[in-house]
Amino acid sequence: MKKYLIQTGDSLSSVAERFSVKDAQTLRSFHNTHCPLEDLLGYELVPGKQLLIPEDAQYLKEDEKTSDTLNGYSDKILSEDKKQDLQQKEETSKKQESQNSIGRSELHDGKYFVVQKGRCQCNQGFKYPKFKVTSHQKLYWNDAHGQPDYLAVTEDDTQFDPVAQPFGQCKLKPSSGGYLPCVYAPAGKWTKIYENVKVMDRSCVTEISELMCTSGGKITILKHGQQSEPVKSQVAKADAQEQHVYNPIMDFQRFQEEFGSNYGMAW
C-alpha cells in the first residue's frame, strides 16, 4: 500500500478514480482496515490527513491491475502490446496467404484440366477408375459437341466410375485371404485445385490435384483425359524461322499467337 495526502476538494470517489481503485467504498474499507483507530474515515475526507491506498490487484479495476512479475507494467499496457502483436501476425498471415495463392497458381502453369474420361489412382488401391462429374453439366474442355466424356472435373466431383469399390482392393486392409475390397469415402473435396477458373463457383481440378480417402489413401490424377497437345512453354520458346524450315506451309508465328487462346490448359 501507499500513502496519499488528502487535498482540498478531494473525495473518496475522485481519489479512487485517480489510483484505479474499484470504487469509493473499497478505498474507504481498505483504509479503515489498515489505519490506526484515530484515523478512521467517515464518508468525507479531511484535507491534510493521510489516506491509505491499496496496490493489490484484488482492490483495483480489472483493466488496471498491476502484476509484480511484470515489474510494474499494467495489464492494460500488456493488452495493447498483445493487440499490436496480433495485428502484426494477422498482416503477416494475409501476406503469406497471398503469396501462397500466387504460388498455387504458378504450380498449375502448363498443366491440363481433368475431364470426365480421365483416370485417377489411389496409392493404396489396384484399379484406375474414371471420373463421374455430378457437380454440373455446363463446361466441356476442348470439345465443341458437348460430349459427357469432356465435362470439366471440379473440386466437388469426388465420385468415380465404377461407384462401388472404384480402386479394387485396399492395401490398408490386409487379411488372411488377401486385401479386403476398397471402401472408398472422400475426406472432403479435391485439394490443390486451380482457383482462377470456376464452374458454378467450383474450382477446377488439374493434373496436380489431390483427394484423400477416409481410409487413409491419397488419390491423384493418372490421366487428365484430354488429347495430348504441346504445352504453352514449348510453343512460346520455339523458333518460328526454324519451324518454317521444317514445315514451310505452316505460319508458325501466327500459330504461336493463337495458341494462347487454348483454354484446355491452366495458365
Protein backbone atom coordinates (compact mmCIF):
# COMPACT_ATOMS: atom_id res chain seq x y z
CA MET A 1 0.00 0.00 0.00
CA LYS A 2 0.97 3.64 -0.31
CA LYS A 3 0.02 6.85 1.47
CA TYR A 4 -1.70 9.86 -0.06
CA LEU A 5 -2.00 13.33 1.48
CA ILE A 6 -5.62 14.43 1.13
CA GLN A 7 -6.04 17.74 -0.73
CA THR A 8 -8.86 20.28 -0.57
CA GLY A 9 -11.62 19.20 -2.92
CA ASP A 10 -10.73 15.52 -2.80
CA SER A 11 -13.46 12.94 -2.34
CA LEU A 12 -13.35 9.18 -1.90
CA SER A 13 -14.61 8.74 -5.46
CA SER A 14 -12.07 11.11 -7.03
CA VAL A 15 -9.14 9.55 -5.17
CA ALA A 16 -10.35 6.03 -6.01
CA GLU A 17 -10.54 7.02 -9.68
CA ARG A 18 -7.07 8.59 -9.61
CA PHE A 19 -5.43 5.44 -8.22
CA SER A 20 -7.62 2.97 -10.17
CA VAL A 21 -9.26 1.56 -7.04
CA LYS A 22 -12.50 -0.29 -7.80
CA ASP A 23 -14.76 2.27 -6.07
CA ALA A 24 -15.06 4.69 -3.16
CA GLN A 25 -16.39 2.02 -0.76
CA THR A 26 -13.43 -0.27 -1.48
CA LEU A 27 -10.99 2.58 -0.83
CA ARG A 28 -12.72 3.55 2.47
CA SER A 29 -12.88 -0.07 3.69
CA PHE A 30 -9.22 -0.66 2.88
CA HIS A 31 -8.11 2.49 4.68
CA ASN A 32 -10.20 1.79 7.81
CA THR A 33 -8.95 -1.82 7.92
CA HIS A 34 -5.27 -0.82 7.94
CA CYS A 35 -5.15 2.58 9.67
CA PRO A 36 -4.88 3.43 13.41
CA LEU A 37 -8.20 3.94 15.23
CA GLU A 38 -7.74 7.70 15.36
CA ASP A 39 -7.51 7.90 11.56
CA LEU A 40 -10.77 6.08 10.79
CA LEU A 41 -12.70 7.69 7.94
CA GLY A 42 -16.35 8.55 7.56
CA TYR A 43 -17.69 9.49 4.14
CA GLU A 44 -15.98 12.87 3.99
CA LEU A 45 -12.23 13.36 3.56
CA VAL A 46 -10.29 15.73 5.78
CA PRO A 47 -7.61 17.77 3.92
CA GLY A 48 -4.12 17.35 5.39
CA LYS A 49 -4.68 13.79 6.63
CA GLN A 50 -3.15 10.72 5.06
CA LEU A 51 -5.21 8.18 3.13
CA LEU A 52 -4.00 4.61 2.69
CA ILE A 53 -4.16 3.50 -0.93
CA PRO A 54 -4.26 -0.24 -1.87
CA GLU A 55 -1.92 -1.63 -4.55
CA ASP A 56 -3.03 -5.25 -4.50
CA ALA A 57 -4.83 -6.44 -7.65
CA GLN A 58 -7.93 -7.51 -5.71
CA TYR A 59 -8.71 -3.86 -4.91
CA LEU A 60 -8.01 -2.44 -8.35
CA LYS A 61 -10.09 -2.21 -11.51
CA GLU A 62 -9.75 -5.19 -13.84
CA ASP A 63 -8.04 -3.30 -16.68
CA GLU A 64 -5.64 -1.53 -14.35
CA LYS A 65 -4.26 -4.42 -12.28
CA THR A 66 -0.51 -4.43 -11.74
CA SER A 67 1.46 -7.65 -11.77
CA ASP A 68 4.68 -7.89 -9.79
CA THR A 69 6.06 -10.37 -12.32
CA LEU A 70 5.77 -7.64 -14.96
CA ASN A 71 7.86 -5.19 -12.89
CA GLY A 72 5.10 -2.63 -12.70
CA TYR A 73 3.68 -2.93 -16.23
CA SER A 74 -0.08 -2.92 -16.13
CA ASP A 75 -2.33 -5.47 -17.81
CA LYS A 76 -3.70 -2.64 -19.92
CA ILE A 77 -0.26 -1.95 -21.38
CA LEU A 78 0.27 -5.66 -21.87
CA SER A 79 -3.11 -5.88 -23.58
CA GLU A 80 -2.09 -3.15 -26.04
CA ASP A 81 1.16 -5.00 -26.75
CA LYS A 82 -0.78 -8.20 -27.40
CA LYS A 83 -3.17 -6.34 -29.69
CA GLN A 84 -0.29 -4.96 -31.75
CA ASP A 85 1.32 -8.40 -31.84
CA LEU A 86 -1.93 -9.98 -33.06
CA GLN A 87 -2.31 -7.28 -35.73
CA GLN A 88 1.24 -7.93 -36.96
CA LYS A 89 0.60 -11.68 -37.06
CA GLU A 90 -2.66 -11.13 -38.95
CA GLU A 91 -0.92 -8.93 -41.53
CA THR A 92 1.87 -11.49 -41.90
CA SER A 93 -0.69 -14.26 -42.31
CA LYS A 94 -2.53 -12.31 -45.03
CA LYS A 95 0.72 -11.67 -46.91
CA GLN A 96 1.66 -15.33 -46.62
CA GLU A 97 -1.78 -16.39 -47.82
CA SER A 98 -1.48 -14.05 -50.79
CA GLN A 99 1.97 -15.44 -51.64
CA ASN A 100 0.69 -19.00 -51.28
CA SER A 101 -2.22 -18.22 -53.59
CA ILE A 102 0.20 -16.92 -56.23
CA GLY A 103 2.40 -19.95 -55.73
CA ARG A 104 -0.55 -22.32 -56.13
CA SER A 105 -1.50 -20.62 -59.39
CA GLU A 106 2.04 -20.94 -60.75
CA LEU A 107 2.11 -24.65 -59.92
CA HIS A 108 -0.72 -25.19 -62.40
CA ASP A 109 1.08 -23.49 -65.31
CA GLY A 110 1.25 -25.83 -68.27
CA LYS A 111 -0.95 -28.44 -66.56
CA TYR A 112 -4.09 -29.87 -68.15
CA PHE A 113 -7.54 -29.60 -66.68
CA VAL A 114 -9.09 -33.00 -65.95
CA VAL A 115 -12.18 -34.24 -67.82
CA GLN A 116 -14.65 -36.99 -67.02
CA LYS A 117 -12.97 -39.67 -69.13
CA GLY A 118 -9.69 -39.12 -67.31
CA ARG A 119 -8.49 -41.67 -64.78
CA CYS A 120 -7.22 -41.44 -61.24
CA GLN A 121 -5.19 -43.66 -58.95
CA CYS A 122 -5.04 -44.32 -55.21
CA ASN A 123 -1.70 -45.08 -53.57
CA GLN A 124 -3.46 -47.86 -51.62
CA GLY A 125 -5.53 -49.33 -54.48
CA PHE A 126 -5.10 -51.51 -57.55
CA LYS A 127 -7.57 -50.14 -60.13
CA TYR A 128 -7.83 -46.86 -62.02
CA PRO A 129 -11.42 -45.62 -62.28
CA LYS A 130 -12.74 -42.83 -64.47
CA PHE A 131 -14.32 -39.70 -63.04
CA LYS A 132 -18.03 -39.14 -62.54
CA VAL A 133 -18.97 -35.48 -62.92
CA THR A 134 -22.10 -34.64 -60.93
CA SER A 135 -21.47 -31.00 -59.99
CA HIS A 136 -22.56 -29.54 -63.34
CA GLN A 137 -23.44 -30.20 -66.99
CA LYS A 138 -22.11 -26.91 -68.26
CA LEU A 139 -18.41 -26.78 -69.18
CA TYR A 140 -16.59 -29.12 -71.57
CA TRP A 141 -12.83 -28.86 -72.10
CA ASN A 142 -11.77 -28.81 -75.77
CA ASP A 143 -15.00 -30.33 -77.08
CA ALA A 144 -17.43 -28.28 -79.13
CA HIS A 145 -20.01 -31.09 -79.27
CA GLY A 146 -20.62 -31.30 -75.52
CA GLN A 147 -19.73 -34.94 -75.09
CA PRO A 148 -20.04 -36.09 -71.44
CA ASP A 149 -16.51 -37.53 -71.60
CA TYR A 150 -15.15 -33.97 -71.73
CA LEU A 151 -17.07 -32.50 -68.81
CA ALA A 152 -14.73 -30.48 -66.58
CA VAL A 153 -13.99 -32.15 -63.23
CA THR A 154 -14.43 -29.72 -60.31
CA GLU A 155 -13.46 -29.84 -56.65
CA ASP A 156 -16.88 -31.30 -55.76
CA ASP A 157 -16.65 -34.24 -58.16
CA THR A 158 -15.41 -36.88 -55.74
CA GLN A 159 -17.24 -39.90 -57.17
CA PHE A 160 -15.83 -42.36 -59.72
CA ASP A 161 -16.93 -44.88 -62.31
CA PRO A 162 -17.48 -47.55 -61.07
CA VAL A 163 -19.07 -46.13 -57.92
CA ALA A 164 -18.62 -49.30 -55.83
CA GLN A 165 -15.06 -50.34 -54.95
CA PRO A 166 -13.56 -47.96 -57.52
CA PHE A 167 -9.96 -48.85 -56.63
CA GLY A 168 -10.47 -52.61 -56.34
CA GLN A 169 -8.81 -53.81 -53.15
CA CYS A 170 -7.25 -51.72 -50.37
CA LYS A 171 -3.66 -52.21 -49.24
CA LEU A 172 -4.57 -50.74 -45.87
CA LYS A 173 -6.91 -53.67 -45.17
CA PRO A 174 -4.88 -56.89 -45.35
CA SER A 175 -6.48 -60.17 -44.30
CA SER A 176 -5.60 -63.85 -44.30
CA GLY A 177 -7.32 -64.19 -47.67
CA GLY A 178 -5.69 -61.14 -49.23
CA TYR A 179 -6.58 -57.47 -49.26
CA LEU A 180 -10.18 -56.55 -48.48
CA PRO A 181 -12.29 -54.63 -51.04
CA CYS A 182 -11.95 -50.87 -51.29
CA VAL A 183 -14.49 -48.97 -49.21
CA TYR A 184 -13.95 -45.55 -50.74
CA ALA A 185 -15.24 -42.46 -48.91
CA PRO A 186 -13.88 -38.99 -49.78
CA ALA A 187 -12.47 -36.94 -46.92
CA GLY A 188 -13.73 -33.58 -48.15
CA LYS A 189 -13.12 -32.04 -51.57
CA TRP A 190 -10.24 -32.10 -54.04
CA THR A 191 -7.25 -30.03 -52.95
CA LYS A 192 -4.56 -28.25 -54.98
CA ILE A 193 -7.30 -27.15 -57.35
CA TYR A 194 -6.99 -24.27 -59.84
CA GLU A 195 -8.79 -21.44 -58.09
CA ASN A 196 -8.60 -18.99 -61.02
CA VAL A 197 -11.11 -20.99 -63.09
CA LYS A 198 -14.52 -21.87 -61.64
CA VAL A 199 -17.60 -23.68 -62.89
CA MET A 200 -20.71 -22.60 -61.00
CA ASP A 201 -18.43 -21.28 -58.21
CA ARG A 202 -16.47 -24.55 -58.04
CA SER A 203 -12.73 -24.59 -58.77
CA CYS A 204 -11.42 -26.93 -61.47
CA VAL A 205 -9.22 -29.99 -61.00
CA THR A 206 -5.87 -30.22 -62.84
CA GLU A 207 -3.16 -32.85 -63.13
CA ILE A 208 -1.64 -31.92 -59.75
CA SER A 209 -4.86 -32.03 -57.72
CA GLU A 210 -5.23 -34.49 -54.82
CA LEU A 211 -8.04 -36.08 -52.83
CA MET A 212 -7.87 -38.00 -49.56
CA CYS A 213 -9.92 -41.07 -48.66
CA THR A 214 -11.13 -41.55 -45.08
CA SER A 215 -9.39 -44.95 -45.10
CA GLY A 216 -6.04 -43.19 -45.49
CA GLY A 217 -5.39 -43.43 -49.22
CA LYS A 218 -4.26 -40.46 -51.34
CA ILE A 219 -5.89 -40.14 -54.74
CA THR A 220 -4.07 -38.39 -57.58
CA ILE A 221 -4.55 -37.91 -61.32
CA LEU A 222 -3.29 -40.72 -63.57
CA LYS A 223 -4.61 -39.36 -66.89
CA HIS A 224 -6.23 -35.98 -67.48
CA GLY A 225 -8.38 -37.36 -70.28
CA GLN A 226 -7.66 -34.70 -72.90
CA GLN A 227 -5.76 -35.39 -76.09
CA SER A 228 -2.04 -34.76 -75.88
CA GLU A 229 -1.01 -31.34 -77.16
CA PRO A 230 2.22 -29.29 -76.97
CA VAL A 231 2.45 -27.27 -73.77
CA LYS A 232 2.43 -23.50 -73.85
CA SER A 233 6.06 -23.11 -72.81
CA GLN A 234 7.22 -25.33 -75.69
CA VAL A 235 5.28 -23.35 -78.30
CA ALA A 236 6.35 -20.00 -76.86
CA LYS A 237 10.06 -20.93 -76.89
CA ALA A 238 10.06 -22.46 -80.37
CA ASP A 239 11.89 -20.53 -83.10
CA ALA A 240 9.40 -19.55 -85.82
CA GLN A 241 12.03 -19.42 -88.59
CA GLU A 242 13.37 -22.84 -87.67
CA GLN A 243 9.85 -24.28 -87.65
CA HIS A 244 9.25 -22.76 -91.09
CA VAL A 245 12.19 -24.79 -92.43
CA TYR A 246 10.60 -27.99 -91.11
CA ASN A 247 7.09 -27.07 -92.25
CA PRO A 248 7.12 -24.25 -94.88
CA ILE A 249 3.36 -24.46 -95.42
CA MET A 250 2.51 -23.57 -91.81
CA ASP A 251 2.55 -19.99 -90.50
CA PHE A 252 4.12 -20.91 -87.16
CA GLN A 253 4.32 -17.33 -85.88
CA ARG A 254 0.57 -16.93 -86.30
CA PHE A 255 0.11 -20.31 -84.61
CA GLN A 256 2.11 -19.06 -81.61
CA GLU A 257 -0.13 -16.02 -81.30
CA GLU A 258 -3.32 -18.06 -81.48
CA PHE A 259 -2.11 -20.85 -79.23
CA GLY A 260 -2.61 -18.70 -76.14
CA SER A 261 -6.37 -18.87 -76.64
CA ASN A 262 -6.34 -22.63 -75.97
CA TYR A 263 -8.44 -22.95 -72.82
CA GLY A 264 -7.84 -26.62 -72.13
CA MET A 265 -4.75 -25.87 -70.07
CA ALA A 266 -4.27 -23.88 -66.87
CA TRP A 267 -2.16 -20.72 -67.24
